[in-house]
Amino acid sequence: MSYIITDACISCGACEPECPVGAITAGDDIYVIDPATCIDCGACASVCPVEAPQQD
């Protein structure tokens, strides 16, 4: 199971540096998580001000 970033994302960038495996990148409108790289650690969710990262 991995995390996804929902449409609630405000593109603040808080999640990207928190990912220990570099699975998060800036997308066209919101940040995105590569499910093949995500290790389901929840670091992104713990720093997001709008709770956009959710378990898939």
PDB file of N, CA and C in Angstrom:
ATOM      1  N   MET A   1       0.844  -1.180   0.000  1.00  0.00           N
ATOM      2  CA  MET A   1       0.000   0.000   0.000  1.00  0.00           C
ATOM      3  C   MET A   1       0.890   1.243   0.000  1.00  0.00           C
ATOM      4  N   SER A   2       0.497   2.245  -0.746  1.00  0.00           N
ATOM      5  CA  SER A   2       1.268   3.476  -0.792  1.00  0.00           C
ATOM      6  C   SER A   2       0.350   4.664  -0.542  1.00  0.00           C
ATOM      7  N   TYR A   3       0.958   5.824  -0.485  1.00  0.00           N
ATOM      8  CA  TYR A   3       0.196   7.051  -0.313  1.00  0.00           C
ATOM      9  C   TYR A   3      -0.064   7.687  -1.674  1.00  0.00           C
ATOM     10  N   ILE A   4      -1.142   8.445  -1.765  1.00  0.00           N
ATOM     11  CA  ILE A   4      -1.433   9.274  -2.924  1.00  0.00           C
ATOM     12  C   ILE A   4      -1.675  10.679  -2.398  1.00  0.00           C
ATOM     13  N   ILE A   5      -1.545  11.658  -3.253  1.00  0.00           N
ATOM     14  CA  ILE A   5      -1.849  13.034  -2.867  1.00  0.00           C
ATOM     15  C   ILE A   5      -3.155  13.411  -3.537  1.00  0.00           C
ATOM     16  N   THR A   6      -4.119  13.805  -2.734  1.00  0.00           N
ATOM     17  CA  THR A   6      -5.452  14.124  -3.234  1.00  0.00           C
ATOM     18  C   THR A   6      -5.502  15.545  -3.806  1.00  0.00           C
ATOM     19  N   ASP A   7      -6.636  15.878  -4.377  1.00  0.00           N
ATOM     20  CA  ASP A   7      -6.850  17.209  -4.941  1.00  0.00           C
ATOM     21  C   ASP A   7      -6.859  18.303  -3.878  1.00  0.00           C
ATOM     22  N   ALA A   8      -6.826  17.933  -2.619  1.00  0.00           N
ATOM     23  CA  ALA A   8      -6.766  18.933  -1.545  1.00  0.00           C
ATOM     24  C   ALA A   8      -5.407  19.624  -1.499  1.00  0.00           C
ATOM     25  N   CYS A   9      -4.431  19.072  -2.215  1.00  0.00           N
ATOM     26  CA  CYS A   9      -3.060  19.607  -2.228  1.00  0.00           C
ATOM     27  C   CYS A   9      -3.059  21.080  -2.640  1.00  0.00           C
ATOM     28  N   ILE A  10      -2.319  21.892  -1.881  1.00  0.00           N
ATOM     29  CA  ILE A  10      -2.185  23.316  -2.191  1.00  0.00           C
ATOM     30  C   ILE A  10      -0.799  23.633  -2.760  1.00  0.00           C
ATOM     31  N   SER A  11      -0.044  22.607  -3.100  1.00  0.00           N
ATOM     32  CA  SER A  11       1.289  22.738  -3.698  1.00  0.00           C
ATOM     33  C   SER A  11       2.246  23.574  -2.852  1.00  0.00           C
ATOM     34  N   CYS A  12       2.195  23.389  -1.548  1.00  0.00           N
ATOM     35  CA  CYS A  12       3.067  24.149  -0.650  1.00  0.00           C
ATOM     36  C   CYS A  12       4.488  23.585  -0.629  1.00  0.00           C
ATOM     37  N   GLY A  13       4.632  22.303  -0.976  1.00  0.00           N
ATOM     38  CA  GLY A  13       5.953  21.686  -1.032  1.00  0.00           C
ATOM     39  C   GLY A  13       6.468  21.141   0.275  1.00  0.00           C
ATOM     40  N   ALA A  14       5.675  21.171   1.329  1.00  0.00           N
ATOM     41  CA  ALA A  14       6.135  20.687   2.639  1.00  0.00           C
ATOM     42  C   ALA A  14       6.447  19.197   2.626  1.00  0.00           C
ATOM     43  N   CYS A  15       5.751  18.444   1.821  1.00  0.00           N
ATOM     44  CA  CYS A  15       5.900  16.990   1.811  1.00  0.00           C
ATOM     45  C   CYS A  15       7.173  16.508   1.108  1.00  0.00           C
ATOM     46  N   GLU A  16       7.554  17.181   0.046  1.00  0.00           N
ATOM     47  CA  GLU A  16       8.654  16.691  -0.794  1.00  0.00           C
ATOM     48  C   GLU A  16       9.959  16.446  -0.024  1.00  0.00           C
ATOM     49  N   PRO A  17      10.445  17.398   0.770  1.00  0.00           N
ATOM     50  CA  PRO A  17      11.717  17.142   1.471  1.00  0.00           C
ATOM     51  C   PRO A  17      11.599  16.115   2.598  1.00  0.00           C
ATOM     52  N   GLU A  18      10.391  15.808   3.037  1.00  0.00           N
ATOM     53  CA  GLU A  18      10.193  14.848   4.121  1.00  0.00           C
ATOM     54  C   GLU A  18      10.264  13.398   3.656  1.00  0.00           C
ATOM     55  N   CYS A  19      10.090  13.160   2.373  1.00  0.00           N
ATOM     56  CA  CYS A  19      10.071  11.783   1.855  1.00  0.00           C
ATOM     57  C   CYS A  19      11.482  11.201   1.876  1.00  0.00           C
ATOM     58  N   PRO A  20      11.694  10.129   2.644  1.00  0.00           N
ATOM     59  CA  PRO A  20      13.035   9.569   2.756  1.00  0.00           C
ATOM     60  C   PRO A  20      13.526   8.830   1.513  1.00  0.00           C
ATOM     61  N   VAL A  21      12.620   8.522   0.588  1.00  0.00           N
ATOM     62  CA  VAL A  21      13.012   7.787  -0.616  1.00  0.00           C
ATOM     63  C   VAL A  21      12.825   8.594  -1.900  1.00  0.00           C
ATOM     64  N   GLY A  22      12.461   9.852  -1.783  1.00  0.00           N
ATOM     65  CA  GLY A  22      12.321  10.709  -2.957  1.00  0.00           C
ATOM     66  C   GLY A  22      11.173  10.353  -3.870  1.00  0.00           C
ATOM     67  N   ALA A  23      10.088   9.855  -3.305  1.00  0.00           N
ATOM     68  CA  ALA A  23       8.945   9.432  -4.115  1.00  0.00           C
ATOM     69  C   ALA A  23       8.031  10.587  -4.512  1.00  0.00           C
ATOM     70  N   ILE A  24       8.220  11.773  -3.943  1.00  0.00           N
ATOM     71  CA  ILE A  24       7.315  12.893  -4.191  1.00  0.00           C
ATOM     72  C   ILE A  24       7.971  13.904  -5.122  1.00  0.00           C
ATOM     73  N   THR A  25       7.215  14.283  -6.159  1.00  0.00           N
ATOM     74  CA  THR A  25       7.682  15.297  -7.102  1.00  0.00           C
ATOM     75  C   THR A  25       6.554  16.267  -7.402  1.00  0.00           C
ATOM     76  N   ALA A  26       6.923  17.446  -7.901  1.00  0.00           N
ATOM     77  CA  ALA A  26       5.919  18.435  -8.278  1.00  0.00           C
ATOM     78  C   ALA A  26       5.277  18.008  -9.588  1.00  0.00           C
ATOM     79  N   GLY A  27       3.962  17.935  -9.583  1.00  0.00           N
ATOM     80  CA  GLY A  27       3.229  17.629 -10.803  1.00  0.00           C
ATOM     81  C   GLY A  27       2.799  18.914 -11.481  1.00  0.00           C
ATOM     82  N   ASP A  28       1.886  18.816 -12.433  1.00  0.00           N
ATOM     83  CA  ASP A  28       1.407  20.005 -13.136  1.00  0.00           C
ATOM     84  C   ASP A  28       0.659  20.953 -12.206  1.00  0.00           C
ATOM     85  N   ASP A  29      -0.246  20.406 -11.397  1.00  0.00           N
ATOM     86  CA  ASP A  29      -1.048  21.242 -10.501  1.00  0.00           C
ATOM     87  C   ASP A  29      -0.804  20.943  -9.030  1.00  0.00           C
ATOM     88  N   ILE A  30      -0.523  19.681  -8.722  1.00  0.00           N
ATOM     89  CA  ILE A  30      -0.305  19.254  -7.346  1.00  0.00           C
ATOM     90  C   ILE A  30       0.919  18.349  -7.295  1.00  0.00           C
ATOM     91  N   TYR A  31       1.401  18.089  -6.101  1.00  0.00           N
ATOM     92  CA  TYR A  31       2.506  17.147  -5.948  1.00  0.00           C
ATOM     93  C   TYR A  31       1.990  15.733  -6.170  1.00  0.00           C
ATOM     94  N   VAL A  32       2.867  14.843  -6.615  1.00  0.00           N
ATOM     95  CA  VAL A  32       2.484  13.459  -6.879  1.00  0.00           C
ATOM     96  C   VAL A  32       3.471  12.507  -6.208  1.00  0.00           C
ATOM     97  N   ILE A  33       2.986  11.327  -5.862  1.00  0.00           N
ATOM     98  CA  ILE A  33       3.799  10.299  -5.237  1.00  0.00           C
ATOM     99  C   ILE A  33       3.914   9.117  -6.187  1.00  0.00           C
ATOM    100  N   ASP A  34       5.134   8.665  -6.428  1.00  0.00           N
ATOM    101  CA  ASP A  34       5.367   7.478  -7.254  1.00  0.00           C
ATOM    102  C   ASP A  34       5.057   6.256  -6.392  1.00  0.00           C
ATOM    103  N   PRO A  35       3.985   5.515  -6.718  1.00  0.00           N
ATOM    104  CA  PRO A  35       3.589   4.378  -5.877  1.00  0.00           C
ATOM    105  C   PRO A  35       4.622   3.256  -5.843  1.00  0.00           C
ATOM    106  N   ALA A  36       5.439   3.155  -6.870  1.00  0.00           N
ATOM    107  CA  ALA A  36       6.462   2.107  -6.902  1.00  0.00           C
ATOM    108  C   ALA A  36       7.624   2.426  -5.966  1.00  0.00           C
ATOM    109  N   THR A  37       7.799   3.695  -5.644  1.00  0.00           N
ATOM    110  CA  THR A  37       8.896   4.125  -4.774  1.00  0.00           C
ATOM    111  C   THR A  37       8.442   4.324  -3.330  1.00  0.00           C
ATOM    112  N   CYS A  38       7.200   4.706  -3.132  1.00  0.00           N
ATOM    113  CA  CYS A  38       6.652   4.985  -1.796  1.00  0.00           C
ATOM    114  C   CYS A  38       6.794   3.777  -0.875  1.00  0.00           C
ATOM    115  N   ILE A  39       7.287   4.013   0.352  1.00  0.00           N
ATOM    116  CA  ILE A  39       7.454   2.938   1.334  1.00  0.00           C
ATOM    117  C   ILE A  39       6.389   2.984   2.429  1.00  0.00           C
ATOM    118  N   ASP A  40       5.341   3.790   2.231  1.00  0.00           N
ATOM    119  CA  ASP A  40       4.207   3.842   3.152  1.00  0.00           C
ATOM    120  C   ASP A  40       4.615   4.260   4.563  1.00  0.00           C
ATOM    121  N   CYS A  41       5.547   5.217   4.666  1.00  0.00           N
ATOM    122  CA  CYS A  41       6.028   5.627   5.989  1.00  0.00           C
ATOM    123  C   CYS A  41       5.150   6.695   6.635  1.00  0.00           C
ATOM    124  N   GLY A  42       4.430   7.482   5.835  1.00  0.00           N
ATOM    125  CA  GLY A  42       3.546   8.503   6.373  1.00  0.00           C
ATOM    126  C   GLY A  42       4.216   9.820   6.707  1.00  0.00           C
ATOM    127  N   ALA A  43       5.491   9.972   6.378  1.00  0.00           N
ATOM    128  CA  ALA A  43       6.191  11.224   6.677  1.00  0.00           C
ATOM    129  C   ALA A  43       5.532  12.404   5.979  1.00  0.00           C
ATOM    130  N   CYS A  44       5.088  12.202   4.761  1.00  0.00           N
ATOM    131  CA  CYS A  44       4.445  13.278   4.004  1.00  0.00           C
ATOM    132  C   CYS A  44       3.140  13.714   4.668  1.00  0.00           C
ATOM    133  N   ALA A  45       2.368  12.740   5.102  1.00  0.00           N
ATOM    134  CA  ALA A  45       1.083  13.037   5.725  1.00  0.00           C
ATOM    135  C   ALA A  45       1.247  13.788   7.038  1.00  0.00           C
ATOM    136  N   SER A  46       2.332  13.514   7.744  1.00  0.00           N
ATOM    137  CA  SER A  46       2.524  14.152   9.056  1.00  0.00           C
ATOM    138  C   SER A  46       2.857  15.633   8.961  1.00  0.00           C
ATOM    139  N   VAL A  47       3.338  16.110   7.806  1.00  0.00           N
ATOM    140  CA  VAL A  47       3.694  17.522   7.672  1.00  0.00           C
ATOM    141  C   VAL A  47       2.728  18.319   6.804  1.00  0.00           C
ATOM    142  N   CYS A  48       1.802  17.660   6.160  1.00  0.00           N
ATOM    143  CA  CYS A  48       0.886  18.348   5.249  1.00  0.00           C
ATOM    144  C   CYS A  48      -0.148  19.187   6.014  1.00  0.00           C
ATOM    145  N   PRO A  49      -0.236  20.488   5.703  1.00  0.00           N
ATOM    146  CA  PRO A  49      -1.202  21.340   6.420  1.00  0.00           C
ATOM    147  C   PRO A  49      -2.661  21.115   6.030  1.00  0.00           C
ATOM    148  N   VAL A  50      -2.902  20.412   4.912  1.00  0.00           N
ATOM    149  CA  VAL A  50      -4.286  20.196   4.461  1.00  0.00           C
ATOM    150  C   VAL A  50      -4.655  18.715   4.359  1.00  0.00           C
ATOM    151  N   GLU A  51      -3.807  17.845   4.894  1.00  0.00           N
ATOM    152  CA  GLU A  51      -4.045  16.401   4.908  1.00  0.00           C
ATOM    153  C   GLU A  51      -4.287  15.821   3.512  1.00  0.00           C
ATOM    154  N   ALA A  52      -3.532  16.318   2.523  1.00  0.00           N
ATOM    155  CA  ALA A  52      -3.693  15.831   1.149  1.00  0.00           C
ATOM    156  C   ALA A  52      -3.141  14.413   0.939  1.00  0.00           C
ATOM    157  N   PRO A  53      -1.996  14.044   1.540  1.00  0.00           N
ATOM    158  CA  PRO A  53      -1.532  12.656   1.362  1.00  0.00           C
ATOM    159  C   PRO A  53      -2.436  11.690   2.129  1.00  0.00           C
ATOM    160  N   GLN A  54      -2.932  10.707   1.426  1.00  0.00           N
ATOM    161  CA  GLN A  54      -3.807   9.690   2.032  1.00  0.00           C
ATOM    162  C   GLN A  54      -3.330   8.319   1.595  1.00  0.00           C
ATOM    163  N   GLN A  55      -3.564   7.315   2.413  1.00  0.00           N
ATOM    164  CA  GLN A  55      -3.215   5.948   2.009  1.00  0.00           C
ATOM    165  C   GLN A  55      -4.112   5.522   0.872  1.00  0.00           C
ATOM    166  N   ASP A  56      -3.517   4.901  -0.134  1.00  0.00           N
ATOM    167  CA  ASP A  56      -4.252   4.448  -1.305  1.00  0.00           C
ATOM    168  C   ASP A  56      -4.944   3.141  -1.018  1.00  0.00           C
TER     169      ASP A  56
END
